[in-house]
Amino acid sequence: MCIRDRYQRRVRAKEERERRATERMKEYQQELNEQDSSDDENVNTSSVCFGLFRSKKKNGINSNTTTTTSTTTTTTTTITTAEHHRFFGVALTDVFSQPELLSIDSGLQCPIVIAHCVNSIRERLTIEGLFRVSGSWGEIANLKGIFERGEIPDLSKVDVHSVSSLLDLYFRQLPDPLLTRHLYDNFIGCKDVEDVNLKLMTVQRIIFRLPEAHLNVLRLMLPFLRAIADQSESNKMDAKNLGLIFGPILMGGEEALSLLQIQKIKAQATLIELMIIHCHDLLGAPASAPTSASTSTTTTTTLS
């Protein structure tokens, strides 16, 4: 079977998984609405997508879920917020224009959702299959709804795969990917640079053309992914595996329906792998960027 046929089969299988997942998410949302008639926030399931390389959640972890509220045993911190306060599907530049929506994570500003998810995962870096194993659909929907209502859940009590899936979903629902559509071709073009040092210099120049909000988040995410890769003996997620998963997450792009798109997906994976391995060379190594839970702190501003 040729490469194109294999990718087409993967795409068809992925579409079927998304269709079933959407139906399940609608059921969970209906249950949530019945249990809390005052909650007017609807969980958007139209773009739930966990990539071609993610595996199904293992049986025994939240596999007996019957309602969303029973799967997520979280303690939430209620904060004052606008009625239609939202994070998901909102441009990073818009979020950064509202300081009340941001956290200071290790000296770097980022949206509250990213900060809390990253810190929760940092505490469990050795768990196998981070960002490869999908979390509970109901738990993800519930967590998303909590953040959208302007509350902050206690993610330490949530399965780490649901937390990583929530972070995955946040990036996939950005109107413009983290590395932006505007610079997509510039980044992909780096694959043609053979000299490693020259390639790094080229990638670095493109990185610093990113909007400030996107660059800030990238400064947080790359060292975080490097910290995961450094624990690959335990979690089985080295830089190459993370590159395969985070290529479409951070860069976007169309599904692989042609040889050209297949080549672009490979280029995405290689580029993200390169960024992870050489993150400190590309972004510098800020003293405030931790690689373990012991050095991470999060300060959240009050939403208003």
Protein backbone atom coordinates (compact mmCIF):
# COMPACT_ATOMS: atom_id res chain seq x y z
CA MET A 1 0.00 0.00 0.00
CA CYS A 2 1.44 3.38 -1.01
CA ILE A 3 2.00 6.26 1.42
CA ARG A 4 -0.92 8.25 0.01
CA ASP A 5 -3.35 5.37 0.52
CA ARG A 6 -2.21 4.91 4.12
CA TYR A 7 -2.73 8.59 4.90
CA GLN A 8 -6.16 8.57 3.24
CA ARG A 9 -7.16 5.61 5.42
CA ARG A 10 -5.93 7.46 8.50
CA VAL A 11 -7.90 10.56 7.53
CA ARG A 12 -11.09 8.56 6.99
CA ALA A 13 -10.62 6.76 10.31
CA LYS A 14 -9.96 10.10 12.03
CA GLU A 15 -13.14 11.62 10.55
CA GLU A 16 -15.15 8.66 11.85
CA ARG A 17 -13.61 9.04 15.33
CA GLU A 18 -14.45 12.74 15.30
CA ARG A 19 -18.03 12.01 14.26
CA ARG A 20 -18.48 9.58 17.15
CA ALA A 21 -16.73 11.94 19.53
CA THR A 22 -19.00 14.82 18.48
CA GLU A 23 -22.07 12.72 19.21
CA ARG A 24 -20.70 11.81 22.64
CA MET A 25 -19.79 15.41 23.41
CA LYS A 26 -23.34 16.52 22.48
CA GLU A 27 -24.73 13.96 24.91
CA TYR A 28 -22.44 15.23 27.67
CA GLN A 29 -23.42 18.83 26.93
CA GLN A 30 -27.10 17.94 27.09
CA GLU A 31 -26.54 16.37 30.50
CA LEU A 32 -24.67 19.48 31.66
CA ASN A 33 -27.49 21.74 30.48
CA GLU A 34 -30.07 19.62 32.29
CA GLN A 35 -28.06 19.71 35.52
CA ASP A 36 -27.33 23.44 35.37
CA SER A 37 -30.06 25.36 33.58
CA SER A 38 -28.43 28.67 34.48
CA ASP A 39 -25.29 27.90 32.50
CA ASP A 40 -25.68 29.46 29.04
CA GLU A 41 -22.24 28.48 27.79
CA ASN A 42 -22.33 25.77 25.13
CA VAL A 43 -19.26 23.60 24.62
CA ASN A 44 -18.19 23.85 20.99
CA THR A 45 -17.42 20.38 19.67
CA SER A 46 -17.16 21.24 16.00
CA SER A 47 -13.39 21.28 15.94
CA VAL A 48 -12.51 18.56 18.44
CA CYS A 49 -9.43 16.99 16.88
CA PHE A 50 -6.55 15.17 18.49
CA GLY A 51 -4.39 14.50 15.43
CA LEU A 52 -3.51 11.50 13.31
CA PHE A 53 -0.99 10.12 15.78
CA ARG A 54 -3.03 10.01 19.01
CA SER A 55 -4.12 6.75 20.56
CA LYS A 56 -7.37 5.93 22.29
CA LYS A 57 -7.48 6.32 26.04
CA LYS A 58 -6.72 3.11 27.87
CA ASN A 59 -9.56 1.16 29.40
CA GLY A 60 -9.88 1.67 33.10
CA ILE A 61 -9.14 5.41 33.10
CA ASN A 62 -12.46 7.19 33.26
CA SER A 63 -13.86 4.45 31.00
CA ASN A 64 -17.02 4.04 33.06
CA THR A 65 -18.04 7.67 32.71
CA THR A 66 -21.80 8.21 32.66
CA THR A 67 -22.03 11.93 33.29
CA THR A 68 -19.62 14.79 32.92
CA THR A 69 -19.95 15.94 36.50
CA SER A 70 -19.04 12.49 37.84
CA THR A 71 -15.82 12.21 35.82
CA THR A 72 -14.23 15.49 36.84
CA THR A 73 -13.76 15.68 40.58
CA THR A 74 -12.25 19.15 40.54
CA THR A 75 -12.25 21.96 43.02
CA THR A 76 -12.89 25.24 41.25
CA THR A 77 -11.94 28.73 42.29
CA THR A 78 -14.77 31.10 41.45
CA ILE A 79 -13.69 34.44 40.03
CA THR A 80 -15.62 37.48 38.89
CA THR A 81 -15.90 37.52 35.13
CA ALA A 82 -17.98 38.83 32.27
CA GLU A 83 -21.01 36.75 31.29
CA HIS A 84 -19.56 35.76 27.92
CA HIS A 85 -15.94 35.41 28.99
CA ARG A 86 -14.17 32.96 26.66
CA PHE A 87 -10.72 31.53 25.97
CA PHE A 88 -11.26 28.85 23.33
CA GLY A 89 -11.47 30.01 19.73
CA VAL A 90 -10.26 33.50 20.66
CA ALA A 91 -7.17 34.96 18.96
CA LEU A 92 -4.09 35.12 21.16
CA THR A 93 -3.66 38.82 20.40
CA ASP A 94 -7.18 39.47 21.71
CA VAL A 95 -6.52 37.48 24.89
CA PHE A 96 -3.25 39.33 25.50
CA SER A 97 -5.07 42.64 25.18
CA GLN A 98 -7.01 41.74 28.35
CA PRO A 99 -4.58 41.39 31.29
CA GLU A 100 -7.25 39.77 33.46
CA LEU A 101 -7.16 36.73 31.15
CA LEU A 102 -3.43 36.16 31.62
CA SER A 103 -1.19 34.41 34.10
CA ILE A 104 2.47 34.99 34.85
CA ASP A 105 4.06 31.57 34.45
CA SER A 106 7.77 31.54 35.30
CA GLY A 107 8.12 35.15 34.26
CA LEU A 108 6.21 34.72 30.99
CA GLN A 109 2.71 36.02 30.31
CA CYS A 110 0.30 33.51 28.82
CA PRO A 111 -3.43 32.75 28.84
CA ILE A 112 -4.71 31.26 32.10
CA VAL A 113 -5.74 28.02 30.38
CA ILE A 114 -2.23 27.39 29.06
CA ALA A 115 -0.55 28.27 32.36
CA HIS A 116 -2.67 25.93 34.46
CA CYS A 117 -2.50 23.03 31.99
CA VAL A 118 1.28 23.33 31.59
CA ASN A 119 1.86 23.47 35.34
CA SER A 120 -0.37 20.46 35.94
CA ILE A 121 1.43 18.39 33.32
CA ARG A 122 4.87 19.49 34.59
CA GLU A 123 4.11 17.74 37.85
CA ARG A 124 3.56 14.44 36.00
CA LEU A 125 6.19 14.42 33.25
CA THR A 126 7.03 10.73 33.61
CA ILE A 127 3.56 9.41 32.80
CA GLU A 128 3.62 7.41 29.59
CA GLY A 129 1.93 8.76 26.46
CA LEU A 130 1.68 12.48 27.26
CA PHE A 131 -0.17 14.18 24.36
CA ARG A 132 -0.42 10.81 22.59
CA VAL A 133 -3.07 9.22 24.78
CA SER A 134 -6.42 11.02 24.62
CA GLY A 135 -8.33 11.96 27.73
CA SER A 136 -12.00 11.48 28.61
CA TRP A 137 -14.25 13.40 26.24
CA GLY A 138 -16.65 14.28 29.03
CA GLU A 139 -13.88 15.44 31.34
CA ILE A 140 -12.39 17.62 28.58
CA ALA A 141 -15.79 19.21 27.85
CA ASN A 142 -16.38 19.86 31.53
CA LEU A 143 -12.94 21.46 32.03
CA LYS A 144 -13.42 23.63 28.98
CA GLY A 145 -16.77 24.79 30.31
CA ILE A 146 -15.24 25.63 33.71
CA PHE A 147 -12.58 27.83 32.13
CA GLU A 148 -15.13 29.45 29.83
CA ARG A 149 -17.29 30.36 32.83
CA GLY A 150 -14.32 32.19 34.34
CA GLU A 151 -13.56 29.56 36.98
CA ILE A 152 -10.27 27.79 37.59
CA PRO A 153 -10.41 24.02 38.21
CA ASP A 154 -7.97 22.14 40.43
CA LEU A 155 -6.23 20.20 37.66
CA SER A 156 -4.13 18.22 40.13
CA LYS A 157 -7.23 16.05 40.66
CA VAL A 158 -7.79 15.52 36.93
CA ASP A 159 -6.31 12.71 34.82
CA VAL A 160 -3.21 14.12 33.10
CA HIS A 161 -4.32 12.86 29.68
CA SER A 162 -7.50 14.93 29.95
CA VAL A 163 -5.38 17.96 30.85
CA SER A 164 -3.04 17.44 27.87
CA SER A 165 -6.04 16.89 25.59
CA LEU A 166 -7.56 20.16 26.82
CA LEU A 167 -4.33 22.00 26.00
CA ASP A 168 -4.25 20.29 22.61
CA LEU A 169 -7.83 21.43 21.99
CA TYR A 170 -7.03 25.01 22.99
CA PHE A 171 -4.25 25.29 20.41
CA ARG A 172 -6.28 23.59 17.67
CA GLN A 173 -9.15 26.02 18.16
CA LEU A 174 -7.00 29.14 17.83
CA PRO A 175 -8.20 31.18 14.82
CA ASP A 176 -4.54 31.53 13.79
CA PRO A 177 -2.08 28.75 14.74
CA LEU A 178 0.69 29.56 17.18
CA LEU A 179 3.30 29.77 14.40
CA THR A 180 0.76 31.68 12.24
CA ARG A 181 -0.45 31.10 8.71
CA HIS A 182 1.42 34.18 7.55
CA LEU A 183 4.78 32.58 8.34
CA TYR A 184 3.82 28.99 7.50
CA ASP A 185 5.60 28.86 4.15
CA ASN A 186 8.66 30.55 5.63
CA PHE A 187 8.92 27.88 8.31
CA ILE A 188 8.30 25.02 5.87
CA GLY A 189 10.95 26.44 3.54
CA CYS A 190 13.60 25.81 6.21
CA LYS A 191 13.56 22.12 5.28
CA ASP A 192 15.62 22.98 2.20
CA VAL A 193 18.48 24.43 4.28
CA GLU A 194 21.04 21.65 4.66
CA ASP A 195 23.56 23.25 7.01
CA VAL A 196 22.28 22.81 10.58
CA ASN A 197 23.71 26.06 11.93
CA LEU A 198 22.32 28.04 9.02
CA LYS A 199 18.96 26.31 9.43
CA LEU A 200 18.85 27.26 13.11
CA MET A 201 19.69 30.87 12.29
CA THR A 202 16.96 30.93 9.64
CA VAL A 203 14.36 29.43 11.97
CA GLN A 204 15.33 31.87 14.71
CA ARG A 205 14.88 34.87 12.41
CA ILE A 206 11.41 33.66 11.45
CA ILE A 207 10.47 32.99 15.07
CA PHE A 208 11.22 36.56 16.03
CA ARG A 209 8.86 37.77 13.30
CA LEU A 210 5.94 36.25 15.23
CA PRO A 211 3.44 38.58 16.91
CA GLU A 212 4.44 39.28 20.50
CA ALA A 213 1.57 37.23 21.95
CA HIS A 214 2.50 34.19 19.85
CA LEU A 215 6.19 34.56 20.65
CA ASN A 216 5.45 34.74 24.37
CA VAL A 217 3.49 31.49 24.29
CA LEU A 218 6.15 29.81 22.17
CA ARG A 219 8.79 30.82 24.74
CA LEU A 220 6.77 28.90 27.31
CA MET A 221 5.80 25.90 25.18
CA LEU A 222 9.14 24.91 23.66
CA PRO A 223 11.03 24.51 26.97
CA PHE A 224 7.96 22.72 28.32
CA LEU A 225 8.04 20.23 25.41
CA ARG A 226 11.79 19.86 25.89
CA ALA A 227 11.15 18.95 29.53
CA ILE A 228 8.76 16.22 28.34
CA ALA A 229 11.31 14.93 25.81
CA ASP A 230 13.99 14.84 28.52
CA GLN A 231 11.82 12.31 30.36
CA SER A 232 11.27 10.15 27.26
CA GLU A 233 12.71 7.02 28.88
CA SER A 234 9.67 7.05 31.15
CA ASN A 235 6.96 8.77 29.12
CA LYS A 236 8.02 7.38 25.68
CA MET A 237 7.60 10.85 24.15
CA ASP A 238 10.90 11.98 22.65
CA ALA A 239 11.34 15.07 20.49
CA LYS A 240 10.52 13.13 17.32
CA ASN A 241 7.21 11.84 18.68
CA LEU A 242 6.31 15.27 20.00
CA GLY A 243 7.18 16.75 16.62
CA LEU A 244 4.73 14.41 14.90
CA ILE A 245 1.94 15.42 17.28
CA PHE A 246 2.65 19.14 17.63
CA GLY A 247 3.35 19.81 13.95
CA PRO A 248 -0.34 20.19 13.07
CA ILE A 249 -1.18 21.57 16.53
CA LEU A 250 1.24 24.51 16.37
CA MET A 251 1.35 25.04 12.61
CA GLY A 252 -2.08 24.07 11.36
CA GLY A 253 -2.25 23.01 7.73
CA GLU A 254 -4.64 20.89 5.71
CA GLU A 255 -5.19 17.17 5.93
CA ALA A 256 -2.78 14.92 4.03
CA LEU A 257 -4.73 14.19 0.87
CA SER A 258 -1.89 14.70 -1.60
CA LEU A 259 1.79 13.96 -1.83
CA LEU A 260 2.50 17.66 -1.37
CA GLN A 261 0.54 17.75 1.88
CA ILE A 262 2.30 14.57 3.05
CA GLN A 263 5.62 16.28 2.46
CA LYS A 264 4.45 19.35 4.39
CA ILE A 265 3.33 17.22 7.34
CA LYS A 266 6.77 15.59 7.44
CA ALA A 267 8.39 19.02 7.25
CA GLN A 268 6.18 20.24 10.12
CA ALA A 269 7.19 17.32 12.31
CA THR A 270 10.88 17.79 11.53
CA LEU A 271 10.71 21.52 12.22
CA ILE A 272 8.97 21.14 15.59
CA GLU A 273 11.42 18.41 16.55
CA LEU A 274 14.27 20.78 15.71
CA MET A 275 12.67 23.57 17.75
CA ILE A 276 12.24 21.31 20.76
CA ILE A 277 15.81 20.01 20.69
CA HIS A 278 17.37 23.45 20.15
CA CYS A 279 14.79 25.53 22.05
CA HIS A 280 17.36 27.25 24.26
CA ASP A 281 19.49 28.20 21.26
CA LEU A 282 16.49 29.50 19.32
CA LEU A 283 14.81 31.40 22.14
CA GLY A 284 17.64 31.91 24.55
CA ALA A 285 17.44 30.24 27.94
CA PRO A 286 15.56 32.60 30.28
CA ALA A 287 16.41 31.86 33.89
CA SER A 288 12.68 31.87 34.60
CA ALA A 289 11.89 29.04 32.15
CA PRO A 290 11.78 25.86 34.25
CA THR A 291 12.08 22.28 33.09
CA SER A 292 10.61 20.63 36.16
CA ALA A 293 7.74 21.03 38.55
CA SER A 294 10.08 21.96 41.38
CA THR A 295 10.90 25.29 39.74
CA SER A 296 7.47 26.20 38.41
CA THR A 297 5.20 28.81 39.88
CA THR A 298 1.97 30.29 38.61
CA THR A 299 0.39 33.57 39.64
CA THR A 300 -3.11 34.22 38.31
CA THR A 301 -4.65 37.66 38.17
CA THR A 302 -8.28 38.13 39.17
CA LEU A 303 -10.67 38.21 36.24
CA SER A 304 -13.10 41.06 36.08
